[in-house]
Each structure stands twice: as structure tokens, then as C-alpha cells.
Protein backbone atom coordinates (compact mmCIF):
# COMPACT_ATOMS: atom_id res chain seq x y z
CA UNK A 1 8.05 158.54 59.22
CA UNK A 2 10.89 158.69 56.78
CA UNK A 3 14.34 159.68 58.88
CA UNK A 4 12.29 157.42 61.81
CA UNK A 5 13.24 154.55 59.64
CA UNK A 6 16.11 155.62 58.82
CA UNK A 7 17.28 156.00 61.94
CA UNK A 8 15.97 152.60 62.51
CA UNK A 9 17.84 150.84 59.54
CA UNK A 10 20.81 152.37 60.59
CA UNK A 11 20.96 151.56 64.03
CA UNK A 12 20.48 147.52 62.92
CA UNK A 13 23.14 147.73 61.26
CA UNK A 14 25.88 148.68 63.51
CA UNK A 15 23.96 146.23 65.60
CA UNK A 16 25.12 143.90 63.43
CA UNK A 17 28.50 145.38 62.70
CA UNK A 18 28.75 145.06 66.85
CA UNK A 19 27.82 141.52 66.70
CA UNK A 20 30.54 140.56 63.81
CA UNK A 21 33.10 142.12 65.79
CA UNK A 22 32.19 140.39 68.77
CA UNK A 23 32.28 136.79 67.43
CA UNK A 24 35.39 137.45 65.71
CA UNK A 25 36.72 138.94 68.92
CA UNK A 26 35.95 136.11 70.80
CA UNK A 27 37.28 133.53 68.06
CA UNK A 28 40.08 135.23 68.54
CA UNK A 29 40.59 134.91 72.75
CA UNK A 30 39.63 131.61 72.24
CA UNK A 31 43.19 130.88 69.49
CA UNK A 32 45.29 132.63 72.15
CA UNK A 33 44.17 130.49 74.78
CA UNK A 34 44.66 127.74 73.37
CA UNK A 35 48.08 128.62 71.29
CA UNK A 36 49.39 128.27 75.37
CA UNK A 37 47.76 124.89 75.54
CA UNK A 38 49.49 123.98 72.53
CA UNK A 39 53.12 124.94 73.99
CA UNK A 40 52.31 123.56 77.46
CA UNK A 41 51.20 120.18 76.42
CA UNK A 42 52.88 117.76 74.27
CA UNK A 43 49.59 115.96 73.33
CA UNK A 44 48.49 119.30 71.66
CA UNK A 45 51.39 120.19 70.22
CA UNK A 46 54.52 118.71 68.93
CA UNK A 47 54.40 115.97 70.45
CA UNK A 48 57.88 115.42 72.51
CA UNK A 49 60.43 112.98 71.79
CA UNK A 50 60.05 109.70 73.96
CA UNK A 51 63.00 109.28 76.85
CA UNK A 52 64.24 106.05 79.58
CA UNK A 53 64.09 107.41 82.97
CA UNK A 54 66.44 106.39 85.81
CA UNK A 55 64.20 104.40 88.08
CA UNK A 56 67.51 103.52 90.16
CA UNK A 57 71.05 104.50 90.20
CA UNK A 58 73.93 102.60 93.01
CA UNK A 59 77.63 103.55 92.10
CA UNK A 60 79.56 105.49 89.88
CA UNK A 61 76.82 105.98 86.66
CA UNK A 62 77.86 109.03 83.41
CA UNK A 63 75.58 110.24 80.95
CA UNK A 64 76.49 111.23 77.75
CA UNK A 65 74.73 113.31 76.31
CA UNK A 66 74.21 113.57 72.68
CA UNK A 67 76.83 115.95 70.69
CA UNK A 68 78.16 116.38 73.60
CA UNK A 69 81.84 116.18 75.35
CA UNK A 70 82.17 115.58 78.61
CA UNK A 71 80.32 112.86 80.61
CA UNK A 72 78.09 113.97 83.61
CA UNK A 73 77.06 111.78 86.83
CA UNK A 74 74.08 109.76 86.42
CA UNK A 75 71.08 110.73 88.84
CA UNK A 76 67.57 108.72 90.14
CA UNK A 77 65.11 110.83 87.75
CA UNK A 78 67.19 111.70 84.77
CA UNK A 79 65.88 110.70 81.32
CA UNK A 80 67.78 109.98 78.41
CA UNK A 81 66.95 110.09 74.77
CA UNK A 82 67.89 109.08 71.23
CA UNK A 83 71.16 109.39 70.68
CA UNK A 84 72.45 109.55 75.17
CA UNK A 85 75.11 107.57 75.64
CA UNK A 86 75.25 105.56 79.23
CA UNK A 87 78.09 104.47 81.47
CA UNK A 88 78.78 102.32 85.10
CA UNK A 89 81.21 101.59 86.77
CA UNK A 90 82.93 98.77 88.97
CA UNK A 91 80.53 98.51 91.75
CA UNK A 92 78.00 100.41 89.81
CA UNK A 93 74.02 99.27 88.54
CA UNK A 94 71.61 101.39 87.21
CA UNK A 95 67.82 100.51 85.62
CA UNK A 96 66.36 102.42 82.85
CA UNK A 97 62.47 102.63 82.45
CA UNK A 98 61.24 102.85 79.17
CA UNK A 99 57.90 103.91 78.10
CA UNK A 100 57.01 100.85 76.81
CA UNK A 101 56.91 99.41 80.53
CA UNK A 102 60.29 97.22 79.68
CA UNK A 103 63.37 97.73 82.00
CA UNK A 104 66.57 98.12 81.57
CA UNK A 105 69.21 96.60 83.61
CA UNK A 106 73.12 97.92 83.05
CA UNK A 107 75.59 95.49 84.64
CA UNK A 108 78.61 97.12 86.13
CA UNK A 109 81.62 98.10 84.09
CA UNK A 110 79.58 98.57 80.98
CA UNK A 111 78.31 101.12 78.52
CA UNK A 112 75.36 101.18 76.65
CA UNK A 113 73.93 103.66 73.78
CA UNK A 114 70.34 104.41 72.99
CA UNK A 115 70.89 104.24 69.16
CA UNK A 116 66.72 104.69 68.23
CA UNK A 117 63.65 105.76 70.70
CA UNK A 118 60.29 105.73 69.12
CA UNK A 119 57.32 105.16 71.36
CA UNK A 120 53.57 105.66 69.70
CA UNK A 121 51.17 105.68 73.52
CA UNK A 122 47.74 106.65 70.97
CA UNK A 123 48.92 103.01 68.52
CA UNK A 124 51.06 101.52 71.84
CA UNK A 125 53.79 101.16 69.13
CA UNK A 126 57.65 101.29 69.11
CA UNK A 127 61.30 100.74 67.84
CA UNK A 128 63.99 100.67 70.27
CA UNK A 129 67.13 99.76 68.97
CA UNK A 130 69.96 99.53 71.88
CA UNK A 131 74.18 99.11 71.95
CA UNK A 132 76.50 97.69 74.83
CA UNK A 133 79.33 98.53 73.25
CA UNK A 134 80.61 96.24 76.42
CA UNK A 135 80.01 94.97 79.38
CA UNK A 136 76.34 92.94 80.35
CA UNK A 137 72.70 94.03 80.48
CA UNK A 138 68.95 92.69 81.46
CA UNK A 139 66.52 93.67 79.44
CA UNK A 140 63.09 93.00 80.27
CA UNK A 141 60.60 93.70 77.00
CA UNK A 142 57.35 94.45 77.62
CA UNK A 143 55.21 92.64 75.10
CA UNK A 144 54.68 94.17 71.46
CA UNK A 145 51.69 95.68 69.58
CA UNK A 146 49.28 93.42 68.25
CA UNK A 147 49.96 95.15 65.14
CA UNK A 148 53.65 93.98 65.38
CA UNK A 149 53.12 89.97 65.86
CA UNK A 150 50.45 89.22 63.32
CA UNK A 151 53.24 90.44 61.43
CA UNK A 152 55.65 88.59 62.62
CA UNK A 153 58.25 91.50 62.95
CA UNK A 154 60.16 92.04 66.01
CA UNK A 155 60.29 95.47 66.95
CA UNK A 156 62.67 95.71 70.41
CA UNK A 157 66.71 95.13 69.49
CA UNK A 158 70.09 95.42 71.34
CA UNK A 159 72.88 95.25 69.16
CA UNK A 160 76.69 94.16 70.13
CA UNK A 161 79.44 94.46 68.10
CA UNK A 162 79.37 91.71 66.52
CA UNK A 163 75.59 90.50 66.87
CA UNK A 164 72.44 91.54 67.55
CA UNK A 165 69.72 89.89 69.55
CA UNK A 166 65.85 90.95 68.16
CA UNK A 167 63.35 90.22 70.93
CA UNK A 168 59.21 90.53 70.38
CA UNK A 169 58.71 90.11 74.79
CA UNK A 170 61.06 88.66 77.01
CA UNK A 171 63.28 88.74 79.37
CA UNK A 172 66.94 89.00 77.10
CA UNK A 173 70.73 88.61 78.65
CA UNK A 174 73.40 89.89 76.91
CA UNK A 175 77.45 90.02 77.79
CA UNK A 176 80.06 91.31 75.83
CA UNK A 177 83.87 89.92 76.91
CA UNK A 178 87.08 90.80 75.12
CA UNK A 179 87.83 88.34 72.50
CA UNK A 180 91.80 88.40 70.96
CA UNK A 181 91.26 86.35 68.55
CA UNK A 182 88.05 87.43 67.38
CA UNK A 183 87.94 90.70 64.51
CA UNK A 184 86.15 93.13 66.45
CA UNK A 185 88.65 92.09 69.51
CA UNK A 186 84.81 91.00 71.63
CA UNK A 187 82.21 88.79 71.29
CA UNK A 188 78.94 87.97 73.15
CA UNK A 189 77.16 85.72 74.66
CA UNK A 190 72.98 86.48 74.56
CA UNK A 191 70.84 84.46 76.71
CA UNK A 192 67.31 84.33 77.56
CA UNK A 193 65.80 83.95 81.05
CA UNK A 194 63.78 81.52 82.30
CA UNK A 195 60.15 83.07 82.99
CA UNK A 196 57.81 79.87 84.11
CA UNK A 197 53.74 79.34 84.14
CA UNK A 198 54.11 81.26 80.55
CA UNK A 199 51.68 79.55 77.43
CA UNK A 200 54.21 80.75 75.07
CA UNK A 201 58.23 79.95 75.26
CA UNK A 202 59.92 82.94 75.85
CA UNK A 203 62.47 82.97 72.88
CA UNK A 204 65.08 85.65 70.91
CA UNK A 205 66.32 85.62 67.72
CA UNK A 206 70.09 86.29 67.73
CA UNK A 207 71.78 87.87 64.19
CA UNK A 208 75.30 88.68 63.35
CA UNK A 209 76.25 91.34 62.06
CA UNK A 210 79.01 90.37 59.80
CA UNK A 211 80.21 92.61 57.43
CA UNK A 212 82.68 90.42 55.65
CA UNK A 213 79.79 87.44 55.23
CA UNK A 214 75.87 86.22 55.32
CA UNK A 215 74.55 87.06 58.44
CA UNK A 216 73.41 84.08 60.05
CA UNK A 217 70.27 83.56 62.32
CA UNK A 218 69.79 81.18 66.03
CA UNK A 219 66.66 81.42 67.60
CA UNK A 220 67.78 80.72 71.52
CA UNK A 221 64.49 79.72 74.17
CA UNK A 222 63.89 80.62 77.30
CA UNK A 223 66.93 78.60 78.98
CA UNK A 224 69.39 78.29 76.58
CA UNK A 225 72.23 81.16 74.89
CA UNK A 226 74.62 81.00 72.23
CA UNK A 227 78.14 82.64 72.14
CA UNK A 228 77.31 84.57 68.12
CA UNK A 229 74.63 83.20 67.68
CA UNK A 230 76.68 79.53 67.41
CA UNK A 231 74.52 76.87 67.98
CA UNK A 232 73.16 77.08 71.65
CA UNK A 233 74.20 75.25 75.40
CA UNK A 234 72.55 75.63 78.30
CA UNK A 235 73.49 79.11 80.10
CA UNK A 236 76.68 79.53 81.85
CA UNK A 237 76.69 79.43 85.94
CA UNK A 238 76.54 82.89 87.00
CA UNK A 239 75.42 84.48 84.43
CA UNK A 240 72.09 86.16 85.01
CA UNK A 241 73.37 88.11 87.35
CA UNK A 242 74.46 91.82 87.41
CA UNK A 243 77.92 91.21 88.23
CA UNK A 244 80.78 91.76 86.23
CA UNK A 245 83.91 92.45 86.65
CA UNK A 246 85.43 90.39 83.65
CA UNK A 247 85.83 94.03 81.60
CA UNK A 248 87.03 96.41 84.78
CA UNK A 249 88.67 99.76 83.23
CA UNK A 250 88.55 98.93 79.38
CA UNK A 251 89.05 100.71 76.88
CA UNK A 252 85.88 100.69 75.88
CA UNK A 253 84.03 102.35 78.15
CA UNK A 254 86.00 105.54 76.63
CA UNK A 255 86.54 104.84 72.82
CA UNK A 256 84.72 105.78 69.83
CA UNK A 257 81.42 103.84 69.33
CA UNK A 258 80.05 102.21 65.69
CA UNK A 259 77.08 101.14 65.30
CA UNK A 260 76.36 98.67 62.21
CA UNK A 261 74.29 100.44 59.64
CA UNK A 262 71.53 97.98 59.61
CA UNK A 263 70.48 97.31 62.71
CA UNK A 264 66.90 98.12 62.27
CA UNK A 265 66.41 96.07 59.26
CA UNK A 266 68.32 93.22 60.95
CA UNK A 267 65.62 93.28 63.52
CA UNK A 268 62.39 94.32 61.86
CA UNK A 269 63.13 92.11 59.15
CA UNK A 270 62.96 94.05 56.27
CA UNK A 271 65.65 94.25 53.47
CA UNK A 272 68.30 91.29 53.61
CA UNK A 273 70.92 90.27 55.78
CA UNK A 274 73.82 92.36 54.24
CA UNK A 275 75.30 93.97 56.59
CA UNK A 276 75.10 97.94 56.12
CA UNK A 277 77.55 101.25 56.13
CA UNK A 278 78.18 101.30 59.90
CA UNK A 279 76.80 104.81 62.07
CA UNK A 280 79.78 105.63 64.22
CA UNK A 281 79.48 108.14 67.74
CA UNK A 282 82.11 109.13 69.64
CA UNK A 283 82.42 110.59 72.49
CA UNK A 284 81.15 113.76 71.10
CA UNK A 285 78.07 112.39 70.65
CA UNK A 286 78.86 113.46 67.19
CA UNK A 287 78.28 110.27 64.41
CA UNK A 288 80.78 109.72 61.86
CA UNK A 289 78.96 107.69 59.20
CA UNK A 290 58.99 93.28 83.50
CA UNK A 291 60.72 94.23 86.35
CA UNK A 292 64.01 93.73 88.41
CA UNK A 293 66.26 90.66 88.35
CA UNK A 294 65.91 89.32 92.00
CA UNK A 295 69.57 89.82 92.62
CA UNK A 296 69.21 94.17 91.87
CA UNK A 297 71.54 95.32 94.90
CA UNK A 298 72.91 92.16 96.09
CA UNK A 299 74.90 91.82 93.01
CA UNK A 300 75.94 96.05 93.54
CA UNK A 301 76.55 94.53 97.37
CA UNK A 302 79.06 92.11 95.84
CA UNK A 303 80.36 93.79 93.72
CA UNK A 304 81.23 96.88 95.67
CA UNK A 305 83.37 94.82 97.52
CA UNK A 306 85.22 94.11 94.56
CA UNK A 307 86.30 97.55 93.79
CA UNK A 308 89.93 98.59 94.67
CA UNK A 309 91.31 101.12 97.23
CA UNK A 310 90.51 104.73 95.86
CA UNK A 311 87.38 103.28 93.33
CA UNK A 312 84.76 103.51 96.38
CA UNK A 313 82.33 105.39 93.41
CA UNK A 314 78.62 106.78 94.93
CA UNK A 315 75.35 105.11 95.56
CA UNK A 316 72.14 106.15 95.41
CA UNK A 317 68.51 104.95 96.55
CA UNK A 318 64.53 105.78 95.77
CA UNK A 319 65.63 109.29 95.07
CA UNK A 320 68.50 110.27 97.31
CA UNK A 321 72.41 110.23 97.01
CA UNK A 322 74.79 108.84 99.89
CA UNK A 323 79.27 108.24 100.31
CA UNK A 324 79.92 110.48 96.92
CA UNK A 325 83.54 109.67 95.99
CA UNK A 326 83.75 108.82 92.83
CA UNK A 327 85.46 111.31 90.58
CA UNK A 328 83.28 112.96 87.73
CA UNK A 329 83.80 111.39 83.70
CA UNK A 330 86.46 113.40 81.46
């Protein structure tokens, strides 16, 4: 009997060991199955960086990836991340869709740098900083998150060599034109597009980025514009279109780019107004220090007619590229 009881005891121990081993094996299998999911799904693993998608491309448009030296042709569906650069040549236009549903249209003879692009879908918060090097851009900015509205902080800004437009949800146009009399060689026109049937009048804040004197601010309401944050005026005729022949062939399309280092502070209202050390970008990408406008496409047709012979570019729409005769960037 004692021998039988001893065998029964050993059987219980062995079953207990087999049960514990099975549980450990099952746990290992579950953990092993979760690892590939976390790698394949950024929501389970590391969150993918925010990006802007190219929705429409008309004419010769090129992209310079951060850290690269060669401009490459832009195609519909391509994504831009923080630090990337995009330019549109004569007769060209491009539309970018941001992760917060804002849209940006870059006019012909224009160049735009994505200085900062952050978006938290769960918190519905963002920080978008764009830099218009030269030319013209239109941004339909989605309404800011309620938490940022309460703190009266902007979280979307477009800078130029002379000014920055800080917005909380409106449609803003910026144009950088040549001005030999200016210390930077350019000046900035900022306008707020009228939006009918809104309870709150759209507005932006224009802030100068001068490094030699105190920055100044100018509120701009819908239907008005400002040159370099001076007192507002009526929007000049024909400014609210994507036609922009004035900066054709400008050297800023290829030159190194210097972005003032205090743009984020100016846009969000954090810190003082004094300009900080600039953060520069070269063509190598290495650091040294709410919808489309109704004229989108119509402007492109007009721009195409104004192209000089031999620079017909390439037009694309709806994911298909046609008549590609432009030369790649150098």
C-alpha cells in the first residue's frame, strides 16, 4: 500500500510539473505572437512619424529628402516627413494632405520646407511648422484641439525669411517675393481668405522674425492682408490664386535655407519675441546651425500656357502621370 501511495504521489508531482510547463509554453507562444504584430503595426509598437501625403501633382514638382543631396520627381501618394523639402516649377502645382486633415497647396515657382510635423491622433494634438522659402502657398488649416484653444496657443505656423503666420484654424495665403531693398532680399505678403457663414471671423497673427530688433505682431482678419506684419489692407487683386510667375527661375529654388531658430516659440507663444539662432538647411538636407481652392487646376492651365518653350514639365492627376518632359533636379 505504501508503494502504491508513493507512486500516486509521484504521479501528482509529474502532472503538476507538466501543467506548469504547459503554462510556460503557452505564455511563450502568446508573447512570441505579439512581437510580430507590434513590428507590423505601429499602433502596437513604435508610433510611425507623422507625414504629409501628396494628393495632387501637376507639372514638374520635386522632393528633397532630409539628409539627401538629389532632388527626385514627386508622385501622387508620396509622403513627406519632418525635414523634407518640396518645390514646384513653372506651370506646376502640388497639394499635400496633413494628418490632422489640413491641406496645403504649393503654387508654381515655389519651395516649401517641412520644419516640424508632429501629430497625436489619440490626443488630437499637433504641431506643424512649415517654411516658405520663395513663391506662394495656401493652407486650409483644420481647427485646433480644444485643449489648445483654451490655452490660446496656436499650433500651426508658416514662416518665411521675414515673418511667420500663426493660425488656429482658417485659410491663409503667404507669398514671398523678391525685394532688393530688404535685408533678406525678400518680403512677405500674408492674407486670410474670407469664409462666409462662420460665427467667428477667421484670423491669423503675423509676427516678424527680424534678428536685429524687437519682433512685432499684427492681427489679420479674413478679407485682409499685410506686408511684413505692417497695418492691414484689402487683399490685392489676383493674390488668392495659385498663379505665381513673379519668382520664376529664382535662385532660392536651389539655395541653402535658413530657418529662424525661434519660430516654434513665436507660433506657440512660449518664451520671448527675440529671434533665436537660425537653424539652416542646405540642399544636402544636412543642418548647419479644408479643401482645395476653386482655382486649383484652372491656375495650372493658365500657368502651363505661360511656360517658356522647352520647359513643359509633366502633369499628373488622379494617380496617372502624363506628358512627362521635365528634366530631373540637380
